[in-house]
Amino acid sequence: ADSVKGRFTISRDNAKITVYLQMNSLKSEDTA
């Protein structure tokens, strides 16, 4: 999403069937 570009990074481990979301520079509007 445009609102998280440059701050969030998504990655996945197919072997573990796991997805990650690294969230940096969090803002109050990220509350959810």
Full PDB file with SEQRES, HELIX, SHEET, SSBOND, CRYST1, ORIGX, SCALE, CONECT and MASTER records, all heavy atoms in Angstrom:
SEQRES   1 A   32  ALA ASP SER VAL LYS GLY ARG PHE THR ILE SER ARG ASP          
SEQRES   2 A   32  ASN ALA LYS ILE THR VAL TYR LEU GLN MET ASN SER LEU          
SEQRES   3 A   32  LYS SER GLU ASP THR ALA                                      
HELIX    1 AA1 ASP A    2  VAL A    4  5                                   3    
HELIX    2 AA2 SER A   28  ASP A   30  5                                   3    
SHEET    1 AA1 2 PHE A   8  ASP A  13  0                                        
SHEET    2 AA1 2 THR A  18  MET A  23 -1                                        
CRYST1    1.000    1.000    1.000  90.00  90.00  90.00 P 1           1          
ORIGX1      1.000000  0.000000  0.000000        0.00000                         
ORIGX2      0.000000  1.000000  0.000000        0.00000                         
ORIGX3      0.000000  0.000000  1.000000        0.00000                         
SCALE1      1.000000  0.000000  0.000000        0.00000                         
SCALE2      0.000000  1.000000  0.000000        0.00000                         
SCALE3      0.000000  0.000000  1.000000        0.00000                         
ATOM      1  N   ALA A   1       0.857  -1.177   0.000  1.00  0.00           N  
ATOM      2  CA  ALA A   1       0.000   0.000   0.000  1.00  0.00           C  
ATOM      3  C   ALA A   1       0.896   1.230   0.000  1.00  0.00           C  
ATOM      4  O   ALA A   1       1.981   1.228   0.584  1.00  0.00           O  
ATOM      5  CB  ALA A   1      -0.895  -0.002   1.229  1.00  0.00           C  
ATOM      6  N   ASP A   2       0.428   2.290  -0.646  1.00  0.00           N  
ATOM      7  CA  ASP A   2       1.232   3.511  -0.717  1.00  0.00           C  
ATOM      8  C   ASP A   2       1.590   4.026   0.670  1.00  0.00           C  
ATOM      9  O   ASP A   2       2.673   4.579   0.881  1.00  0.00           O  
ATOM     10  CB  ASP A   2       0.477   4.589  -1.491  1.00  0.00           C  
ATOM     11  CG  ASP A   2       0.416   4.302  -2.981  1.00  0.00           C  
ATOM     12  OD1 ASP A   2       1.206   3.467  -3.465  1.00  0.00           O  
ATOM     13  OD2 ASP A   2      -0.436   4.917  -3.663  1.00  0.00           O  
ATOM     14  N   SER A   3       0.687   3.849   1.609  1.00  0.00           N  
ATOM     15  CA  SER A   3       0.882   4.411   2.947  1.00  0.00           C  
ATOM     16  C   SER A   3       2.017   3.745   3.726  1.00  0.00           C  
ATOM     17  O   SER A   3       2.481   4.294   4.722  1.00  0.00           O  
ATOM     18  CB  SER A   3      -0.417   4.294   3.750  1.00  0.00           C  
ATOM     19  OG  SER A   3      -0.806   2.942   3.859  1.00  0.00           O  
ATOM     20  N   VAL A   4       2.471   2.567   3.283  1.00  0.00           N  
ATOM     21  CA  VAL A   4       3.518   1.869   4.037  1.00  0.00           C  
ATOM     22  C   VAL A   4       4.810   1.700   3.234  1.00  0.00           C  
ATOM     23  O   VAL A   4       5.793   1.179   3.765  1.00  0.00           O  
ATOM     24  CB  VAL A   4       3.027   0.488   4.530  1.00  0.00           C  
ATOM     25  CG1 VAL A   4       1.716   0.638   5.304  1.00  0.00           C  
ATOM     26  CG2 VAL A   4       2.873  -0.499   3.390  1.00  0.00           C  
ATOM     27  N   LYS A   5       4.806   2.120   1.993  1.00  0.00           N  
ATOM     28  CA  LYS A   5       6.005   1.972   1.165  1.00  0.00           C  
ATOM     29  C   LYS A   5       7.188   2.679   1.817  1.00  0.00           C  
ATOM     30  O   LYS A   5       7.077   3.805   2.286  1.00  0.00           O  
ATOM     31  CB  LYS A   5       5.757   2.548  -0.227  1.00  0.00           C  
ATOM     32  CG  LYS A   5       4.949   1.640  -1.131  1.00  0.00           C  
ATOM     33  CD  LYS A   5       4.754   2.271  -2.512  1.00  0.00           C  
ATOM     34  CE  LYS A   5       3.923   1.368  -3.400  1.00  0.00           C  
ATOM     35  NZ  LYS A   5       3.653   1.998  -4.719  1.00  0.00           N  
ATOM     36  N   GLY A   6       8.309   1.990   1.840  1.00  0.00           N  
ATOM     37  CA  GLY A   6       9.516   2.555   2.419  1.00  0.00           C  
ATOM     38  C   GLY A   6       9.637   2.343   3.908  1.00  0.00           C  
ATOM     39  O   GLY A   6      10.700   2.588   4.499  1.00  0.00           O  
ATOM     40  N   ARG A   7       8.556   1.888   4.551  1.00  0.00           N  
ATOM     41  CA  ARG A   7       8.576   1.656   5.989  1.00  0.00           C  
ATOM     42  C   ARG A   7       8.373   0.181   6.351  1.00  0.00           C  
ATOM     43  O   ARG A   7       8.940  -0.289   7.334  1.00  0.00           O  
ATOM     44  CB  ARG A   7       7.487   2.494   6.676  1.00  0.00           C  
ATOM     45  CG  ARG A   7       7.619   3.977   6.462  1.00  0.00           C  
ATOM     46  CD  ARG A   7       6.625   4.758   7.318  1.00  0.00           C  
ATOM     47  NE  ARG A   7       5.228   4.456   6.978  1.00  0.00           N  
ATOM     48  CZ  ARG A   7       4.343   3.980   7.840  1.00  0.00           C  
ATOM     49  NH1 ARG A   7       4.695   3.739   9.098  1.00  0.00           N  
ATOM     50  NH2 ARG A   7       3.088   3.741   7.469  1.00  0.00           N  
ATOM     51  N   PHE A   8       7.563  -0.506   5.576  1.00  0.00           N  
ATOM     52  CA  PHE A   8       7.254  -1.914   5.855  1.00  0.00           C  
ATOM     53  C   PHE A   8       7.921  -2.801   4.816  1.00  0.00           C  
ATOM     54  O   PHE A   8       8.057  -2.412   3.648  1.00  0.00           O  
ATOM     55  CB  PHE A   8       5.746  -2.150   5.795  1.00  0.00           C  
ATOM     56  CG  PHE A   8       4.945  -1.522   6.904  1.00  0.00           C  
ATOM     57  CD1 PHE A   8       5.494  -0.612   7.792  1.00  0.00           C  
ATOM     58  CD2 PHE A   8       3.601  -1.853   7.061  1.00  0.00           C  
ATOM     59  CE1 PHE A   8       4.749  -0.036   8.799  1.00  0.00           C  
ATOM     60  CE2 PHE A   8       2.836  -1.297   8.067  1.00  0.00           C  
ATOM     61  CZ  PHE A   8       3.413  -0.372   8.932  1.00  0.00           C  
ATOM     62  N   THR A   9       8.304  -3.988   5.255  1.00  0.00           N  
ATOM     63  CA  THR A   9       8.889  -4.974   4.353  1.00  0.00           C  
ATOM     64  C   THR A   9       8.231  -6.324   4.599  1.00  0.00           C  
ATOM     65  O   THR A   9       8.196  -6.811   5.736  1.00  0.00           O  
ATOM     66  CB  THR A   9      10.400  -5.103   4.575  1.00  0.00           C  
ATOM     67  OG1 THR A   9      11.027  -3.828   4.386  1.00  0.00           O  
ATOM     68  CG2 THR A   9      10.997  -6.098   3.588  1.00  0.00           C  
ATOM     69  N   ILE A  10       7.716  -6.918   3.522  1.00  0.00           N  
ATOM     70  CA  ILE A  10       7.102  -8.242   3.615  1.00  0.00           C  
ATOM     71  C   ILE A  10       8.065  -9.281   3.065  1.00  0.00           C  
ATOM     72  O   ILE A  10       8.800  -9.009   2.101  1.00  0.00           O  
ATOM     73  CB  ILE A  10       5.752  -8.284   2.870  1.00  0.00           C  
ATOM     74  CG1 ILE A  10       5.003  -9.590   3.184  1.00  0.00           C  
ATOM     75  CG2 ILE A  10       5.936  -8.080   1.370  1.00  0.00           C  
ATOM     76  CD1 ILE A  10       3.549  -9.586   2.683  1.00  0.00           C  
ATOM     77  N   SER A  11       8.077 -10.442   3.691  1.00  0.00           N  
ATOM     78  CA  SER A  11       8.910 -11.541   3.203  1.00  0.00           C  
ATOM     79  C   SER A  11       8.198 -12.853   3.513  1.00  0.00           C  
ATOM     80  O   SER A  11       7.255 -12.876   4.306  1.00  0.00           O  
ATOM     81  CB  SER A  11      10.292 -11.507   3.856  1.00  0.00           C  
ATOM     82  OG  SER A  11      10.192 -11.615   5.270  1.00  0.00           O  
ATOM     83  N   ARG A  12       8.653 -13.916   2.867  1.00  0.00           N  
ATOM     84  CA  ARG A  12       8.022 -15.208   3.114  1.00  0.00           C  
ATOM     85  C   ARG A  12       9.057 -16.309   3.093  1.00  0.00           C  
ATOM     86  O   ARG A  12      10.070 -16.210   2.404  1.00  0.00           O  
ATOM     87  CB  ARG A  12       6.894 -15.491   2.109  1.00  0.00           C  
ATOM     88  CG  ARG A  12       7.328 -15.653   0.674  1.00  0.00           C  
ATOM     89  CD  ARG A  12       6.111 -15.654  -0.267  1.00  0.00           C  
ATOM     90  NE  ARG A  12       5.473 -16.955  -0.350  1.00  0.00           N  
ATOM     91  CZ  ARG A  12       4.330 -17.177  -1.005  1.00  0.00           C  
ATOM     92  NH1 ARG A  12       3.694 -16.179  -1.583  1.00  0.00           N  
ATOM     93  NH2 ARG A  12       3.803 -18.389  -1.062  1.00  0.00           N  
ATOM     94  N   ASP A  13       8.768 -17.355   3.841  1.00  0.00           N  
ATOM     95  CA  ASP A  13       9.590 -18.558   3.868  1.00  0.00           C  
ATOM     96  C   ASP A  13       8.683 -19.677   3.362  1.00  0.00           C  
ATOM     97  O   ASP A  13       7.810 -20.152   4.098  1.00  0.00           O  
ATOM     98  CB  ASP A  13      10.076 -18.827   5.291  1.00  0.00           C  
ATOM     99  CG  ASP A  13      10.994 -20.028   5.384  1.00  0.00           C  
ATOM    100  OD1 ASP A  13      10.849 -20.971   4.580  1.00  0.00           O  
ATOM    101  OD2 ASP A  13      11.847 -20.038   6.281  1.00  0.00           O  
ATOM    102  N   ASN A  14       8.858 -20.065   2.114  1.00  0.00           N  
ATOM    103  CA  ASN A  14       7.965 -21.051   1.520  1.00  0.00           C  
ATOM    104  C   ASN A  14       8.078 -22.414   2.192  1.00  0.00           C  
ATOM    105  O   ASN A  14       7.095 -23.140   2.308  1.00  0.00           O  
ATOM    106  CB  ASN A  14       8.240 -21.179   0.023  1.00  0.00           C  
ATOM    107  CG  ASN A  14       7.756 -19.966  -0.747  1.00  0.00           C  
ATOM    108  OD1 ASN A  14       6.810 -19.288  -0.341  1.00  0.00           O  
ATOM    109  ND2 ASN A  14       8.406 -19.667  -1.856  1.00  0.00           N  
ATOM    110  N   ALA A  15       9.261 -22.756   2.644  1.00  0.00           N  
ATOM    111  CA  ALA A  15       9.449 -24.056   3.296  1.00  0.00           C  
ATOM    112  C   ALA A  15       8.661 -24.123   4.606  1.00  0.00           C  
ATOM    113  O   ALA A  15       8.113 -25.174   4.962  1.00  0.00           O  
ATOM    114  CB  ALA A  15      10.929 -24.304   3.548  1.00  0.00           C  
ATOM    115  N   LYS A  16       8.602 -23.005   5.317  1.00  0.00           N  
ATOM    116  CA  LYS A  16       7.883 -22.951   6.588  1.00  0.00           C  
ATOM    117  C   LYS A  16       6.447 -22.462   6.428  1.00  0.00           C  
ATOM    118  O   LYS A  16       5.705 -22.400   7.407  1.00  0.00           O  
ATOM    119  CB  LYS A  16       8.612 -22.033   7.569  1.00  0.00           C  
ATOM    120  CG  LYS A  16       9.992 -22.522   7.973  1.00  0.00           C  
ATOM    121  CD  LYS A  16      10.640 -21.554   8.962  1.00  0.00           C  
ATOM    122  CE  LYS A  16      12.017 -22.029   9.378  1.00  0.00           C  
ATOM    123  NZ  LYS A  16      12.663 -21.088  10.321  1.00  0.00           N  
ATOM    124  N   ILE A  17       6.085 -22.106   5.216  1.00  0.00           N  
ATOM    125  CA  ILE A  17       4.764 -21.535   4.910  1.00  0.00           C  
ATOM    126  C   ILE A  17       4.464 -20.420   5.901  1.00  0.00           C  
ATOM    127  O   ILE A  17       3.432 -20.383   6.598  1.00  0.00           O  
ATOM    128  CB  ILE A  17       3.657 -22.600   4.920  1.00  0.00           C  
ATOM    129  CG1 ILE A  17       4.143 -23.876   4.225  1.00  0.00           C  
ATOM    130  CG2 ILE A  17       2.429 -22.086   4.154  1.00  0.00           C  
ATOM    131  CD1 ILE A  17       3.158 -25.012   4.228  1.00  0.00           C  
ATOM    132  N   THR A  18       5.391 -19.499   5.956  1.00  0.00           N  
ATOM    133  CA  THR A  18       5.315 -18.390   6.899  1.00  0.00           C  
ATOM    134  C   THR A  18       5.553 -17.078   6.163  1.00  0.00           C  
ATOM    135  O   THR A  18       6.402 -17.013   5.272  1.00  0.00           O  
ATOM    136  CB  THR A  18       6.363 -18.565   8.008  1.00  0.00           C  
ATOM    137  OG1 THR A  18       6.102 -19.783   8.717  1.00  0.00           O  
ATOM    138  CG2 THR A  18       6.323 -17.404   8.995  1.00  0.00           C  
ATOM    139  N   VAL A  19       4.800 -16.082   6.549  1.00  0.00           N  
ATOM    140  CA  VAL A  19       4.983 -14.747   5.991  1.00  0.00           C  
ATOM    141  C   VAL A  19       5.269 -13.787   7.142  1.00  0.00           C  
ATOM    142  O   VAL A  19       4.728 -13.935   8.241  1.00  0.00           O  
ATOM    143  CB  VAL A  19       3.743 -14.300   5.176  1.00  0.00           C  
ATOM    144  CG1 VAL A  19       2.506 -14.182   6.047  1.00  0.00           C  
ATOM    145  CG2 VAL A  19       4.017 -13.019   4.421  1.00  0.00           C  
ATOM    146  N   TYR A  20       6.147 -12.834   6.865  1.00  0.00           N  
ATOM    147  CA  TYR A  20       6.569 -11.871   7.873  1.00  0.00           C  
ATOM    148  C   TYR A  20       6.260 -10.453   7.395  1.00  0.00           C  
ATOM    149  O   TYR A  20       6.229 -10.184   6.194  1.00  0.00           O  
ATOM    150  CB  TYR A  20       8.078 -11.986   8.126  1.00  0.00           C  
ATOM    151  CG  TYR A  20       8.547 -13.369   8.485  1.00  0.00           C  
ATOM    152  CD1 TYR A  20       9.033 -14.223   7.505  1.00  0.00           C  
ATOM    153  CD2 TYR A  20       8.493 -13.832   9.793  1.00  0.00           C  
ATOM    154  CE1 TYR A  20       9.472 -15.506   7.822  1.00  0.00           C  
ATOM    155  CE2 TYR A  20       8.921 -15.109  10.119  1.00  0.00           C  
ATOM    156  CZ  TYR A  20       9.404 -15.938   9.129  1.00  0.00           C  
ATOM    157  OH  TYR A  20       9.828 -17.209   9.451  1.00  0.00           O  
ATOM    158  N   LEU A  21       6.067  -9.560   8.352  1.00  0.00           N  
ATOM    159  CA  LEU A  21       5.915  -8.145   8.032  1.00  0.00           C  
ATOM    160  C   LEU A  21       6.760  -7.348   9.016  1.00  0.00           C  
ATOM    161  O   LEU A  21       6.444  -7.278  10.207  1.00  0.00           O  
ATOM    162  CB  LEU A  21       4.448  -7.712   8.131  1.00  0.00           C  
ATOM    163  CG  LEU A  21       4.174  -6.273   7.685  1.00  0.00           C  
ATOM    164  CD1 LEU A  21       4.394  -6.143   6.170  1.00  0.00           C  
ATOM    165  CD2 LEU A  21       2.752  -5.848   8.036  1.00  0.00           C  
ATOM    166  N   GLN A  22       7.850  -6.796   8.512  1.00  0.00           N  
ATOM    167  CA  GLN A  22       8.696  -5.925   9.321  1.00  0.00           C  
ATOM    168  C   GLN A  22       8.169  -4.505   9.176  1.00  0.00           C  
ATOM    169  O   GLN A  22       8.109  -3.977   8.071  1.00  0.00           O  
ATOM    170  CB  GLN A  22      10.149  -6.005   8.843  1.00  0.00           C  
ATOM    171  CG  GLN A  22      11.096  -5.082   9.596  1.00  0.00           C  
ATOM    172  CD  GLN A  22      11.246  -5.464  11.050  1.00  0.00           C  
ATOM    173  OE1 GLN A  22      11.370  -6.632  11.385  1.00  0.00           O  
ATOM    174  NE2 GLN A  22      11.250  -4.462  11.932  1.00  0.00           N  
ATOM    175  N   MET A  23       7.796  -3.917  10.298  1.00  0.00           N  
ATOM    176  CA  MET A  23       7.207  -2.582  10.293  1.00  0.00           C  
ATOM    177  C   MET A  23       8.128  -1.620  11.033  1.00  0.00           C  
ATOM    178  O   MET A  23       8.366  -1.784  12.233  1.00  0.00           O  
ATOM    179  CB  MET A  23       5.824  -2.617  10.957  1.00  0.00           C  
ATOM    180  CG  MET A  23       4.873  -3.628  10.334  1.00  0.00           C  
ATOM    181  SD  MET A  23       3.199  -3.552  11.027  1.00  0.00           S  
ATOM    182  CE  MET A  23       3.516  -4.109  12.694  1.00  0.00           C  
ATOM    183  N   ASN A  24       8.661  -0.661  10.308  1.00  0.00           N  
ATOM    184  CA  ASN A  24       9.551   0.345  10.884  1.00  0.00           C  
ATOM    185  C   ASN A  24       8.901   1.722  10.799  1.00  0.00           C  
ATOM    186  O   ASN A  24       7.954   1.933  10.045  1.00  0.00           O  
ATOM    187  CB  ASN A  24      10.884   0.352  10.139  1.00  0.00           C  
ATOM    188  CG  ASN A  24      11.628  -0.959  10.242  1.00  0.00           C  
ATOM    189  OD1 ASN A  24      11.530  -1.680  11.239  1.00  0.00           O  
ATOM    190  ND2 ASN A  24      12.378  -1.298   9.205  1.00  0.00           N  
ATOM    191  N   SER A  25       9.446   2.653  11.560  1.00  0.00           N  
ATOM    192  CA  SER A  25       8.952   4.035  11.553  1.00  0.00           C  
ATOM    193  C   SER A  25       7.439   4.072  11.712  1.00  0.00           C  
ATOM    194  O   SER A  25       6.732   4.758  10.960  1.00  0.00           O  
ATOM    195  CB  SER A  25       9.365   4.738  10.250  1.00  0.00           C  
ATOM    196  OG  SER A  25      10.767   4.726  10.094  1.00  0.00           O  
ATOM    197  N   LEU A  26       6.951   3.352  12.675  1.00  0.00           N  
ATOM    198  CA  LEU A  26       5.506   3.245  12.852  1.00  0.00           C  
ATOM    199  C   LEU A  26       4.889   4.578  13.236  1.00  0.00           C  
ATOM    200  O   LEU A  26       5.493   5.393  13.949  1.00  0.00           O  
ATOM    201  CB  LEU A  26       5.189   2.183  13.904  1.00  0.00           C  
ATOM    202  CG  LEU A  26       5.307   0.749  13.397  1.00  0.00           C  
ATOM    203  CD1 LEU A  26       5.467  -0.240  14.539  1.00  0.00           C  
ATOM    204  CD2 LEU A  26       4.098   0.388  12.547  1.00  0.00           C  
ATOM    205  N   LYS A  27       3.675   4.778  12.735  1.00  0.00           N  
ATOM    206  CA  LYS A  27       2.919   6.002  12.980  1.00  0.00           C  
ATOM    207  C   LYS A  27       1.616   5.651  13.687  1.00  0.00           C  
ATOM    208  O   LYS A  27       1.145   4.503  13.611  1.00  0.00           O  
ATOM    209  CB  LYS A  27       2.602   6.698  11.663  1.00  0.00           C  
ATOM    210  CG  LYS A  27       3.812   7.000  10.799  1.00  0.00           C  
ATOM    211  CD  LYS A  27       3.372   7.584   9.460  1.00  0.00           C  
ATOM    212  CE  LYS A  27       4.561   7.870   8.557  1.00  0.00           C  
ATOM    213  NZ  LYS A  27       4.128   8.421   7.241  1.00  0.00           N  
ATOM    214  N   SER A  28       1.011   6.640  14.305  1.00  0.00           N  
ATOM    215  CA  SER A  28      -0.251   6.384  15.009  1.00  0.00           C  
ATOM    216  C   SER A  28      -1.313   5.870  14.054  1.00  0.00           C  
ATOM    217  O   SER A  28      -2.159   5.052  14.436  1.00  0.00           O  
ATOM    218  CB  SER A  28      -0.731   7.649  15.709  1.00  0.00           C  
ATOM    219  OG  SER A  28      -0.886   8.711  14.789  1.00  0.00           O  
ATOM    220  N   GLU A  29      -1.249   6.309  12.796  1.00  0.00           N  
ATOM    221  CA  GLU A  29      -2.256   5.853  11.827  1.00  0.00           C  
ATOM    222  C   GLU A  29      -2.061   4.399  11.392  1.00  0.00           C  
ATOM    223  O   GLU A  29      -2.887   3.863  10.657  1.00  0.00           O  
ATOM    224  CB  GLU A  29      -2.289   6.766  10.593  1.00  0.00           C  
ATOM    225  CG  GLU A  29      -0.946   7.015   9.965  1.00  0.00           C  
ATOM    226  CD  GLU A  29      -0.340   8.347  10.403  1.00  0.00           C  
ATOM    227  OE1 GLU A  29      -0.375   8.647  11.633  1.00  0.00           O  
ATOM    228  OE2 GLU A  29       0.168   9.077   9.528  1.00  0.00           O  
ATOM    229  N   ASP A  30      -0.985   3.767  11.834  1.00  0.00           N  
ATOM    230  CA  ASP A  30      -0.792   2.337  11.579  1.00  0.00           C  
ATOM    231  C   ASP A  30      -1.538   1.485  12.604  1.00  0.00           C  
ATOM    232  O   ASP A  30      -1.593   0.255  12.468  1.00  0.00           O  
ATOM    233  CB  ASP A  30       0.691   1.974  11.622  1.00  0.00           C  
ATOM    234  CG  ASP A  30       1.499   2.625  10.512  1.00  0.00           C  
ATOM    235  OD1 ASP A  30       1.004   2.656   9.367  1.00  0.00           O  
ATOM    236  OD2 ASP A  30       2.608   3.114  10.795  1.00  0.00           O  
ATOM    237  N   THR A  31      -2.104   2.108  13.617  1.00  0.00           N  
ATOM    238  CA  THR A  31      -2.854   1.368  14.637  1.00  0.00           C  
ATOM    239  C   THR A  31      -4.053   0.672  14.012  1.00  0.00           C  
ATOM    240  O   THR A  31      -4.874   1.299  13.344  1.00  0.00           O  
ATOM    241  CB  THR A  31      -3.328   2.321  15.746  1.00  0.00           C  
ATOM    242  OG1 THR A  31      -2.185   2.840  16.432  1.00  0.00           O  
ATOM    243  CG2 THR A  31      -4.222   1.599  16.741  1.00  0.00           C  
ATOM    244  N   ALA A  32      -4.120  -0.644  14.201  1.00  0.00           N  
ATOM    245  CA  ALA A  32      -5.190  -1.442  13.605  1.00  0.00           C  
ATOM    246  C   ALA A  32      -5.026  -2.892  14.052  1.00  0.00           C  
ATOM    247  O   ALA A  32      -4.016  -3.260  14.656  1.00  0.00           O  
ATOM    248  CB  ALA A  32      -5.133  -1.366  12.078  1.00  0.00           C  
TER     249      ALA A  32                                                      
MASTER        0    0    0    2    2    0    0    6  248    1    0    3          
END                                                                             
